Amino acid sequence: MAIEQRSNGGARRVPGASRPRSGYRCPVVSVEKRQDLLTLADLLTTGQVTPVIDRTYPLDEAADALSYVAAGHTRGKVVITL
């Protein structure tokens, strides 16, 4: 995900940057600067950026969830609920 910091203190998602290219997978987003992390946290808190959840599995089906992820066809996060 790419976030553009604006001079007025706001931020916006860069159009198209959150969409992975065909054949490209980026399972981890790395934020190196503290201010970037705070900006990302604010965007998540206010609902301006939301994670894409592909599927949700109960804990007793965690093996199925891992198999689904291993198959490589996920389109978002796979969540295991407690």
Protein backbone atom coordinates (compact mmCIF):
# COMPACT_ATOMS: atom_id res chain seq x y z
CA MET A 1 0.00 0.00 0.00
CA ALA A 2 1.37 3.40 -0.83
CA ILE A 3 0.34 6.43 1.18
CA GLU A 4 1.10 9.95 0.04
CA GLN A 5 1.71 12.42 2.85
CA ARG A 6 0.18 15.81 2.09
CA SER A 7 1.69 19.12 3.19
CA ASN A 8 -1.45 19.95 5.23
CA GLY A 9 -0.82 16.95 7.48
CA GLY A 10 -3.34 14.70 5.77
CA ALA A 11 -2.66 11.59 3.75
CA ARG A 12 -4.25 9.71 0.89
CA ARG A 13 -3.88 6.34 -0.73
CA VAL A 14 -2.12 6.47 -4.07
CA PRO A 15 -4.63 5.25 -6.69
CA GLY A 16 -3.90 1.72 -7.85
CA ALA A 17 -1.00 1.24 -5.45
CA SER A 18 -2.91 -1.14 -3.21
CA ARG A 19 -3.80 -3.42 -6.10
CA PRO A 20 -1.17 -6.09 -6.64
CA ARG A 21 0.08 -6.66 -10.16
CA SER A 22 -0.66 -10.00 -11.77
CA GLY A 23 1.66 -12.64 -10.35
CA TYR A 24 2.92 -10.31 -7.64
CA ARG A 25 2.27 -11.01 -3.96
CA CYS A 26 3.21 -8.76 -1.08
CA PRO A 27 2.00 -10.40 2.14
CA VAL A 28 3.61 -7.88 4.51
CA VAL A 29 3.43 -4.09 4.58
CA SER A 30 6.52 -2.53 6.13
CA VAL A 31 6.40 0.92 7.69
CA GLU A 32 9.83 2.27 8.55
CA LYS A 33 9.12 5.73 9.94
CA ARG A 34 7.18 6.40 13.13
CA GLN A 35 5.11 9.18 11.54
CA ASP A 36 4.16 6.87 8.65
CA LEU A 37 3.00 4.26 11.15
CA LEU A 38 0.95 6.86 13.03
CA THR A 39 -0.60 8.05 9.77
CA LEU A 40 -1.47 4.49 8.80
CA ALA A 41 -2.98 3.85 12.25
CA ASP A 42 -5.10 7.00 11.89
CA LEU A 43 -6.33 5.96 8.44
CA LEU A 44 -7.29 2.53 9.79
CA THR A 45 -9.00 4.02 12.86
CA THR A 46 -11.07 6.46 10.80
CA GLY A 47 -12.05 3.82 8.26
CA GLN A 48 -10.33 5.56 5.35
CA VAL A 49 -8.26 2.41 4.76
CA THR A 50 -9.73 -1.01 5.49
CA PRO A 51 -8.17 -4.44 5.15
CA VAL A 52 -9.68 -6.80 2.59
CA ILE A 53 -10.84 -10.00 4.30
CA ASP A 54 -11.08 -12.96 1.96
CA ARG A 55 -12.35 -15.61 4.39
CA THR A 56 -12.92 -16.18 8.09
CA TYR A 57 -12.43 -19.53 9.81
CA PRO A 58 -13.18 -20.60 13.40
CA LEU A 59 -10.16 -21.78 15.41
CA ASP A 60 -11.12 -25.45 15.07
CA GLU A 61 -10.81 -25.07 11.26
CA ALA A 62 -7.35 -23.44 11.35
CA ALA A 63 -5.86 -26.33 9.35
CA ASP A 64 -8.36 -25.62 6.56
CA ALA A 65 -7.43 -21.93 6.68
CA LEU A 66 -3.73 -22.75 6.34
CA SER A 67 -4.45 -25.09 3.45
CA TYR A 68 -6.43 -22.35 1.72
CA VAL A 69 -3.57 -19.87 2.14
CA ALA A 70 -1.00 -22.44 0.98
CA ALA A 71 -3.01 -22.98 -2.22
CA GLY A 72 -2.14 -19.38 -3.14
CA HIS A 73 -5.56 -18.17 -4.22
CA THR A 74 -6.29 -15.66 -1.48
CA ARG A 75 -7.57 -12.22 -2.47
CA GLY A 76 -7.23 -10.68 0.97
CA LYS A 77 -6.54 -11.59 4.56
CA VAL A 78 -7.60 -14.93 5.97
CA VAL A 79 -8.84 -14.52 9.54
CA ILE A 80 -8.98 -17.18 12.27
CA THR A 81 -11.51 -16.28 14.95
CA LEU A 82 -11.33 -17.35 18.59
